[in-house]
Amino acid sequence: MIFPFIAIGLTGMEIFSYLVHRYVFHGLLWFIHRSHHLPRKGRLELNDSFSLFFGSLACLGIFVGSRQGLQSPVLGISMGVALYGMLYFLFHDMMTHRRFSPFEPLLKILGQLRQSHRKHHQSSSKKGQEPYGFLLFRKPRLDMHLPATPFSASRRVRDQTDQNVKIEDRQEKSRQESVK
């Protein structure tokens, strides 16, 4: 039965994504991921290279697994990873960040998912802010003070991001001067 392996791939990716996002993207690879926390210039951002990388791995896994047969664990897990990537693109890029072909959430839980992710973007620093995961999230608290409309929210996040980047740049410059 392939379905348990698909479920393992799907749920495993959320756990993997949380850990990689928190400790690698907001760590060693911040110089790439930072583009996702800054105002976008054009349709793409450097951070999209991660999607290409992980999508390629999922495609490779599906190819290898399909050669092993339809009950292959590699095929099932890779299909779960690909499904996670599609859900992530749909809910993260299109609904939350309003990229490519944006849409409004139809269900309350999707609105909460969007609001929860916006909380993460209130900080543009490398240190970051919860939630680092995406599909599994805590229900946003009412006191998060996020605007109700996507337009005002995106403007507020963009303004806050610009302000945080300026502060980070000043702090970094100050640290460099104190080392001299």
Foldseek 3Di string as FASTA:
>chain_A
DLQVLLVCLQVVVLVVQQCCQQDPCLHVVVVQNLQVLADHDDQDGSVCVVLVVQLVVLVVQCVVQVVVPPNGSSNSNSNSNVVNSVVCCQLPVADQVNGDPHDHDPDPVSVQLSVQVLLQSLASHSNTDDDSGGPDDDRDDPPSPADPDSVVNVVNSNVSSVVNVVVVVVVVVVVVVVVD
